[in-house]
Amino acid sequence: MASKSTAAPYVEVQGLVKWFGSDRAVDDVSFTVPKGNFVTLLGPSGCGKTTTLMSIAGLHSIDAGHIRVGGMVYTAPKNGVFMPPEKRDIGMVFQSYAIWPHMTVTQNVAYPLEMRNVPRAEIETRVADVLRLVGLSEVAAKLATQLSGGQQQRAALARAIVPRPRLLLFDEPLSNLDLKLREQMRVELKRIQNEVGITSIYVTHDQSKALVMSDEIIVMSKGRIQQKGDPHEIYSRPANAYVSNFIGVANLLKGRVIAVGEAGRGEIEIAQNGRQAQLPCRLADGIGKGDEAVLSVRPENVQVRHDNGSGRCVEGEVLQAIFLGNCVDCRVRWGDFEWKVLTHPRVHLNKGDKVYLHLDPDHTLAVQP
């Protein structure tokens, strides 16, 4: 497995701005990627993630900022620098497999090496090695049209990595596969990237892919970065309500911070239809006493009990409880708000039960609205 470098950034995107007419598609985006890492740009359609990727590839010019890879400046409009896409030594895997239907798998994968005038003996060795890596050795002689969707995606990946590019870019490459194949391929992509060690940037709107595959996730909205962090940080410590809502499922309620303690802890007061609760929580960066904030807590971090216990809690009424085998998916009404709760399957709940919701203070967050 390729080691992950913590040295100087390998990819540097700084102050990236891209306009399409009057639309500022990318608005002052900055991030770095260490050599060998797998970073995902995550967000909904129109958030600027694909425009950022295409700017790195050189398929879009940019209006401000600079892009540097391995110490080499690819784009810097202020200095009149724009390296053509074909000189950037970047591999790309697109949504469409874009493999030649009249060629065999071997011929498809060999094509980029032939265009670089690599000696025939070396082509044969490198193609054989990469087909073994992606698990296509047994179908090497087949036409591309004879492959399954998953195999065609592997062939496209093999063709992208066989030239040993400086950087590998992925533009929603799994979106055309069915659910089972997507789940298999996202694990395989990460395994292959680890073995090859090519620095990679992946674009998707699917948060489950991002959580499984990434060393770091960059969440984007409306052309700007909302948060950067590893998957655990993004999921468990979202910076704001947008990230909390986009990554997984969360209970989100507007409130006000009423106390600030040490080590990023405090209390938030929430209210719904005449009901109030004051709950201990962790505070996101930049939040102080008296600030408006949003309480964010994941369903799995809420305990449902029939007694109020010794801690502060929220009293509510069970609206539904659906047994899912490994857990119970429960909805609890509190004022006008419905709490989403995942609780242990041995907890017996019925519609109309009076219950108490106990929130884990370590996983109850007050985040920016």
Protein backbone atom coordinates (compact mmCIF):
# COMPACT_ATOMS: atom_id res chain seq x y z
CA MET A 1 0.00 0.00 0.00
CA ALA A 2 1.34 3.42 -0.92
CA SER A 3 2.19 5.58 2.08
CA LYS A 4 0.43 8.88 2.60
CA SER A 5 2.76 11.84 2.63
CA THR A 6 2.39 14.64 5.15
CA ALA A 7 5.08 16.75 3.46
CA ALA A 8 4.57 19.85 1.32
CA PRO A 9 1.38 19.95 -0.77
CA TYR A 10 1.59 18.12 -4.10
CA VAL A 11 -1.52 19.77 -5.58
CA GLU A 12 -2.17 23.41 -4.72
CA VAL A 13 -5.32 25.25 -5.78
CA GLN A 14 -5.26 28.82 -4.54
CA GLY A 15 -7.93 31.53 -4.88
CA LEU A 16 -9.59 29.81 -7.84
CA VAL A 17 -12.30 31.93 -9.51
CA LYS A 18 -14.24 30.94 -12.61
CA TRP A 19 -17.02 32.96 -14.26
CA PHE A 20 -19.52 31.72 -16.83
CA GLY A 21 -21.10 34.94 -18.06
CA SER A 22 -22.58 36.60 -14.97
CA ASP A 23 -22.45 33.35 -12.95
CA ARG A 24 -19.51 33.00 -10.57
CA ALA A 25 -19.32 29.21 -10.75
CA VAL A 26 -16.23 28.92 -8.53
CA ASP A 27 -15.72 31.57 -5.89
CA ASP A 28 -12.27 31.84 -4.27
CA VAL A 29 -11.68 28.10 -3.82
CA SER A 30 -8.41 27.06 -2.15
CA PHE A 31 -7.18 23.64 -1.08
CA THR A 32 -4.10 21.43 -1.16
CA VAL A 33 -3.60 17.69 -1.66
CA PRO A 34 -0.60 15.77 -0.26
CA LYS A 35 1.18 13.40 -2.64
CA GLY A 36 -0.54 10.01 -2.85
CA ASN A 37 -3.79 11.13 -1.22
CA PHE A 38 -7.34 10.58 -2.44
CA VAL A 39 -9.43 13.75 -2.09
CA THR A 40 -13.12 14.10 -2.95
CA LEU A 41 -14.92 17.27 -4.03
CA LEU A 42 -18.44 16.69 -2.75
CA GLY A 43 -21.61 18.65 -3.33
CA PRO A 44 -24.87 18.90 -5.28
CA SER A 45 -25.18 19.75 -8.97
CA GLY A 46 -24.10 23.32 -9.65
CA CYS A 47 -21.88 23.64 -6.58
CA GLY A 48 -18.70 24.17 -8.62
CA LYS A 49 -17.00 20.82 -8.03
CA THR A 50 -16.82 19.71 -11.68
CA THR A 51 -15.75 23.19 -12.82
CA THR A 52 -12.93 23.01 -10.27
CA LEU A 53 -11.89 19.59 -11.57
CA MET A 54 -11.99 20.71 -15.21
CA SER A 55 -9.92 23.77 -14.32
CA ILE A 56 -7.25 21.51 -12.82
CA ALA A 57 -7.34 19.39 -15.99
CA GLY A 58 -6.96 22.49 -18.15
CA LEU A 59 -10.32 21.97 -19.85
CA HIS A 60 -11.46 25.32 -18.43
CA SER A 61 -9.43 28.49 -18.21
CA ILE A 62 -9.76 30.36 -14.92
CA ASP A 63 -10.30 34.04 -14.14
CA ALA A 64 -8.22 34.30 -10.97
CA GLY A 65 -5.99 32.25 -8.73
CA HIS A 66 -3.43 29.61 -9.60
CA ILE A 67 -3.10 25.82 -9.88
CA ARG A 68 0.19 24.08 -9.16
CA VAL A 69 0.97 20.33 -9.29
CA GLY A 70 4.26 18.88 -8.10
CA GLY A 71 5.80 22.33 -7.96
CA MET A 72 4.85 23.07 -11.58
CA VAL A 73 2.46 25.94 -12.28
CA TYR A 74 -0.36 24.75 -14.53
CA THR A 75 -2.50 27.88 -14.54
CA ALA A 76 -1.90 31.41 -13.28
CA PRO A 77 -3.80 34.04 -15.28
CA LYS A 78 -2.22 36.92 -13.37
CA ASN A 79 1.16 35.82 -14.75
CA GLY A 80 -0.14 34.79 -18.16
CA VAL A 81 0.48 31.08 -17.52
CA PHE A 82 -1.76 28.41 -19.02
CA MET A 83 -0.36 24.96 -19.70
CA PRO A 84 -2.38 23.07 -22.37
CA PRO A 85 -4.26 19.98 -21.11
CA GLU A 86 -2.14 17.55 -23.13
CA LYS A 87 1.03 18.75 -21.42
CA ARG A 88 -0.25 18.42 -17.85
CA ASP A 89 0.32 14.66 -17.60
CA ILE A 90 -3.08 14.05 -16.02
CA GLY A 91 -5.19 10.90 -16.24
CA MET A 92 -8.97 11.29 -16.32
CA VAL A 93 -11.84 8.85 -15.78
CA PHE A 94 -15.22 10.22 -16.88
CA GLN A 95 -18.86 9.27 -16.34
CA SER A 96 -18.90 7.71 -19.80
CA TYR A 97 -16.30 4.97 -20.20
CA ALA A 98 -15.13 6.47 -23.53
CA ILE A 99 -13.42 3.24 -24.58
CA TRP A 100 -13.06 2.29 -28.24
CA PRO A 101 -15.74 -0.31 -29.11
CA HIS A 102 -13.77 -1.77 -32.05
CA MET A 103 -10.68 -2.44 -29.93
CA THR A 104 -9.91 -5.21 -27.48
CA VAL A 105 -9.30 -4.44 -23.82
CA THR A 106 -5.56 -4.73 -24.38
CA GLN A 107 -5.67 -2.38 -27.36
CA ASN A 108 -7.73 0.19 -25.43
CA VAL A 109 -5.31 0.19 -22.51
CA ALA A 110 -2.23 0.24 -24.75
CA TYR A 111 -3.46 3.20 -26.81
CA PRO A 112 -2.10 6.04 -24.60
CA LEU A 113 1.31 4.39 -24.53
CA GLU A 114 1.34 4.01 -28.30
CA MET A 115 0.57 7.72 -28.64
CA ARG A 116 3.64 8.40 -26.50
CA ASN A 117 5.82 6.13 -28.69
CA VAL A 118 6.66 3.81 -25.80
CA PRO A 119 8.64 0.75 -27.02
CA ARG A 120 6.46 -2.27 -27.82
CA ALA A 121 8.07 -4.54 -25.21
CA GLU A 122 7.48 -1.98 -22.49
CA ILE A 123 3.88 -1.48 -23.62
CA GLU A 124 3.20 -5.20 -23.33
CA THR A 125 4.69 -5.36 -19.85
CA ARG A 126 2.91 -2.27 -18.52
CA VAL A 127 -0.45 -3.24 -20.02
CA ALA A 128 -0.21 -6.74 -18.56
CA ASP A 129 0.68 -5.32 -15.14
CA VAL A 130 -2.20 -2.83 -15.07
CA LEU A 131 -4.76 -5.36 -16.33
CA ARG A 132 -3.67 -7.67 -13.52
CA LEU A 133 -4.07 -4.81 -11.07
CA VAL A 134 -7.66 -4.05 -12.14
CA GLY A 135 -8.62 -7.72 -12.50
CA LEU A 136 -9.08 -7.82 -16.29
CA SER A 137 -6.32 -10.21 -17.35
CA GLU A 138 -8.79 -12.95 -18.26
CA VAL A 139 -10.76 -10.68 -20.63
CA ALA A 140 -7.77 -8.90 -22.17
CA ALA A 141 -8.54 -10.25 -25.65
CA LYS A 142 -12.25 -9.38 -25.61
CA LEU A 143 -13.76 -6.43 -27.40
CA ALA A 144 -14.79 -3.59 -25.09
CA THR A 145 -18.44 -4.08 -26.09
CA GLN A 146 -18.33 -7.63 -24.69
CA LEU A 147 -17.61 -6.41 -21.18
CA SER A 148 -20.03 -5.71 -18.35
CA GLY A 149 -20.46 -2.16 -17.07
CA GLY A 150 -18.12 -2.79 -14.17
CA GLN A 151 -15.49 -4.31 -16.45
CA GLN A 152 -15.72 -1.37 -18.85
CA GLN A 153 -15.18 1.00 -15.93
CA ARG A 154 -12.11 -0.99 -14.90
CA ALA A 155 -10.81 -0.82 -18.48
CA ALA A 156 -11.25 2.97 -18.47
CA LEU A 157 -9.37 3.16 -15.17
CA ALA A 158 -6.58 0.93 -16.50
CA ARG A 159 -6.20 3.17 -19.55
CA ALA A 160 -5.99 6.24 -17.30
CA ILE A 161 -3.29 4.87 -15.00
CA VAL A 162 -1.11 2.94 -17.47
CA PRO A 163 0.79 6.11 -18.56
CA ARG A 164 1.65 6.69 -14.86
CA PRO A 165 0.28 10.25 -14.76
CA ARG A 166 1.26 12.87 -12.21
CA LEU A 167 -2.37 13.23 -11.16
CA LEU A 168 -5.58 11.22 -11.61
CA LEU A 169 -8.98 12.95 -11.87
CA PHE A 170 -12.38 11.25 -11.57
CA ASP A 171 -15.59 12.90 -12.77
CA GLU A 172 -18.52 10.88 -11.32
CA PRO A 173 -17.16 7.65 -12.88
CA LEU A 174 -19.54 5.30 -11.07
CA SER A 175 -22.82 7.10 -11.76
CA ASN A 176 -23.75 4.84 -14.69
CA LEU A 177 -23.41 1.61 -12.69
CA ASP A 178 -26.18 -0.10 -10.75
CA LEU A 179 -26.16 0.06 -6.96
CA LYS A 180 -24.39 -3.25 -6.34
CA LEU A 181 -21.66 -2.48 -8.87
CA ARG A 182 -21.22 1.04 -7.47
CA GLU A 183 -20.67 -0.38 -4.00
CA GLN A 184 -18.13 -2.90 -5.32
CA MET A 185 -16.30 -0.41 -7.53
CA ARG A 186 -15.91 2.33 -4.93
CA VAL A 187 -13.99 -0.13 -2.73
CA GLU A 188 -11.99 -1.38 -5.71
CA LEU A 189 -11.12 2.15 -6.83
CA LYS A 190 -9.73 2.96 -3.41
CA ARG A 191 -7.75 -0.29 -3.31
CA ILE A 192 -6.25 0.34 -6.76
CA GLN A 193 -5.43 3.95 -5.96
CA ASN A 194 -3.67 2.85 -2.78
CA GLU A 195 -1.62 0.24 -4.64
CA VAL A 196 -0.65 2.57 -7.47
CA GLY A 197 -0.14 5.58 -5.19
CA ILE A 198 -1.28 8.18 -7.74
CA THR A 199 -2.55 11.41 -6.20
CA SER A 200 -6.27 11.51 -7.01
CA ILE A 201 -9.14 14.00 -6.98
CA TYR A 202 -12.65 12.60 -7.23
CA VAL A 203 -15.89 14.50 -7.91
CA THR A 204 -19.26 13.21 -6.72
CA HIS A 205 -22.61 14.23 -5.23
CA ASP A 206 -22.85 10.88 -3.39
CA GLN A 207 -21.76 11.29 0.23
CA SER A 208 -21.54 7.52 0.79
CA LYS A 209 -18.85 7.25 -1.91
CA ALA A 210 -16.97 10.15 -0.38
CA LEU A 211 -17.03 8.66 3.12
CA VAL A 212 -15.81 5.24 1.91
CA MET A 213 -13.08 6.33 -0.48
CA SER A 214 -11.53 9.58 0.71
CA ASP A 215 -8.52 10.57 2.74
CA GLU A 216 -10.06 14.06 2.77
CA ILE A 217 -13.45 15.43 1.74
CA ILE A 218 -14.04 18.97 0.50
CA VAL A 219 -17.73 19.89 0.77
CA MET A 220 -18.83 22.59 -1.68
CA SER A 221 -21.94 24.73 -2.13
CA LYS A 222 -22.63 27.60 -4.54
CA GLY A 223 -19.05 27.75 -5.73
CA ARG A 224 -17.48 27.90 -2.27
CA ILE A 225 -15.92 25.43 0.14
CA GLN A 226 -18.04 24.80 3.23
CA GLN A 227 -15.69 22.43 5.04
CA LYS A 228 -12.54 20.37 4.55
CA GLY A 229 -11.62 17.35 6.65
CA ASP A 230 -11.26 13.60 6.85
CA PRO A 231 -14.47 11.53 6.58
CA HIS A 232 -14.83 11.06 10.33
CA GLU A 233 -14.44 14.79 11.01
CA ILE A 234 -16.86 15.79 8.26
CA TYR A 235 -19.50 13.37 9.54
CA SER A 236 -19.08 13.80 13.29
CA ARG A 237 -18.06 17.48 13.46
CA PRO A 238 -19.80 19.36 10.62
CA ALA A 239 -18.90 23.04 10.48
CA ASN A 240 -22.40 24.27 9.71
CA ALA A 241 -26.01 23.23 9.13
CA TYR A 242 -25.43 22.76 5.39
CA VAL A 243 -22.67 20.18 5.88
CA SER A 244 -24.59 18.47 8.66
CA ASN A 245 -27.66 18.11 6.46
CA PHE A 246 -25.77 17.11 3.30
CA ILE A 247 -23.61 14.43 4.93
CA GLY A 248 -25.88 11.71 6.23
CA VAL A 249 -29.00 12.42 8.30
CA ALA A 250 -29.20 14.87 11.19
CA ASN A 251 -31.72 16.45 13.51
CA LEU A 252 -31.40 20.20 13.00
CA LEU A 253 -33.08 22.78 15.23
CA LYS A 254 -32.49 26.51 15.49
CA GLY A 255 -31.42 27.70 18.90
CA ARG A 256 -29.27 30.09 20.91
CA VAL A 257 -26.03 29.45 22.79
CA ILE A 258 -26.61 30.30 26.45
CA ALA A 259 -23.31 29.21 27.97
CA VAL A 260 -19.71 28.67 26.87
CA GLY A 261 -17.35 26.49 28.84
CA GLU A 262 -13.87 25.08 28.36
CA ALA A 263 -12.57 22.84 25.57
CA GLY A 264 -15.23 23.91 23.08
CA ARG A 265 -18.18 22.94 25.25
CA GLY A 266 -21.28 24.90 26.08
CA GLU A 267 -25.08 24.85 26.23
CA ILE A 268 -27.72 25.56 23.63
CA GLU A 269 -31.36 26.46 24.21
CA ILE A 270 -33.93 25.22 21.72
CA ALA A 271 -37.66 25.88 21.59
CA GLN A 272 -40.60 24.43 19.66
CA ASN A 273 -44.25 25.40 19.98
CA GLY A 274 -44.06 26.45 23.62
CA ARG A 275 -41.55 23.76 24.62
CA GLN A 276 -38.01 24.54 25.64
CA ALA A 277 -34.88 22.54 26.37
CA GLN A 278 -31.39 23.51 27.45
CA LEU A 279 -28.83 20.93 26.39
CA PRO A 280 -25.07 20.53 26.83
CA CYS A 281 -23.21 20.45 23.54
CA ARG A 282 -19.99 21.02 21.66
CA LEU A 283 -19.54 24.37 19.95
CA ALA A 284 -18.35 24.73 16.36
CA ASP A 285 -15.56 27.22 15.73
CA GLY A 286 -16.58 30.85 15.90
CA ILE A 287 -19.68 30.38 18.04
CA GLY A 288 -19.96 32.32 21.29
CA LYS A 289 -22.45 33.00 24.06
CA GLY A 290 -25.66 34.61 22.83
CA ASP A 291 -25.08 33.57 19.21
CA GLU A 292 -27.81 32.10 17.07
CA ALA A 293 -26.84 28.53 16.15
CA VAL A 294 -28.27 25.25 14.90
CA LEU A 295 -28.36 22.19 17.09
CA SER A 296 -27.14 19.20 15.08
CA VAL A 297 -27.30 15.62 16.30
CA ARG A 298 -27.25 12.36 14.37
CA PRO A 299 -30.11 9.87 14.91
CA GLU A 300 -27.71 7.23 16.25
CA ASN A 301 -26.55 9.64 18.98
CA VAL A 302 -30.01 9.98 20.53
CA GLN A 303 -31.17 7.46 23.15
CA VAL A 304 -34.87 6.81 23.67
CA ARG A 305 -35.95 5.91 27.21
CA HIS A 306 -39.21 5.53 29.06
CA ASP A 307 -37.77 7.44 32.05
CA ASN A 308 -36.10 10.82 32.25
CA GLY A 309 -33.07 9.52 34.16
CA SER A 310 -30.70 11.92 35.86
CA GLY A 311 -29.62 14.10 32.93
CA ARG A 312 -31.34 16.80 30.95
CA CYS A 313 -33.45 15.42 28.15
CA VAL A 314 -36.28 16.13 25.70
CA GLU A 315 -39.74 14.74 26.40
CA GLY A 316 -41.76 13.64 23.38
CA GLU A 317 -44.32 11.26 21.88
CA VAL A 318 -43.58 8.33 19.59
CA LEU A 319 -45.12 8.83 16.15
CA GLN A 320 -43.76 5.64 14.61
CA ALA A 321 -41.25 2.91 15.34
CA ILE A 322 -40.11 0.68 12.49
CA PHE A 323 -38.10 -2.47 13.28
CA LEU A 324 -35.21 -2.82 10.81
CA GLY A 325 -33.47 -5.84 12.30
CA ASN A 326 -30.30 -4.27 13.62
CA CYS A 327 -32.06 -1.14 14.90
CA VAL A 328 -35.42 0.61 15.31
CA ASP A 329 -36.05 3.67 13.13
CA CYS A 330 -38.15 5.93 15.32
CA ARG A 331 -39.87 9.32 14.96
CA VAL A 332 -40.61 11.30 18.12
CA ARG A 333 -42.70 14.48 18.15
CA TRP A 334 -41.56 17.40 20.26
CA GLY A 335 -43.67 20.49 19.68
CA ASP A 336 -43.75 20.90 15.89
CA PHE A 337 -40.50 19.02 15.37
CA GLU A 338 -40.03 15.32 14.55
CA TRP A 339 -36.86 13.82 15.97
CA LYS A 340 -35.24 11.07 13.90
CA VAL A 341 -33.81 8.37 16.15
CA LEU A 342 -32.06 5.05 15.55
CA THR A 343 -32.26 2.97 18.70
CA HIS A 344 -31.38 -0.55 19.84
CA PRO A 345 -33.72 -3.29 18.55
CA ARG A 346 -34.41 -4.47 22.12
CA VAL A 347 -36.03 -1.12 22.95
CA HIS A 348 -39.79 -1.70 22.62
CA LEU A 349 -41.64 1.36 21.41
CA ASN A 350 -45.25 1.87 20.37
CA LYS A 351 -47.04 4.74 18.70
CA GLY A 352 -48.26 7.21 21.31
CA ASP A 353 -45.68 6.23 23.97
CA LYS A 354 -44.34 9.05 26.12
CA VAL A 355 -40.56 8.91 25.90
CA TYR A 356 -37.47 10.88 26.85
CA LEU A 357 -34.67 11.64 24.41
CA HIS A 358 -31.20 11.66 25.93
CA LEU A 359 -28.56 13.32 23.75
CA ASP A 360 -24.87 12.47 24.03
CA PRO A 361 -23.16 15.83 24.83
CA ASP A 362 -20.02 14.74 22.95
CA HIS A 363 -22.05 14.29 19.76
CA THR A 364 -24.53 17.14 20.19
CA LEU A 365 -23.24 20.12 18.23
CA ALA A 366 -24.05 23.80 18.01
CA VAL A 367 -23.05 24.73 14.45
CA GLN A 368 -23.21 27.82 12.26
CA PRO A 369 -26.66 28.34 10.66
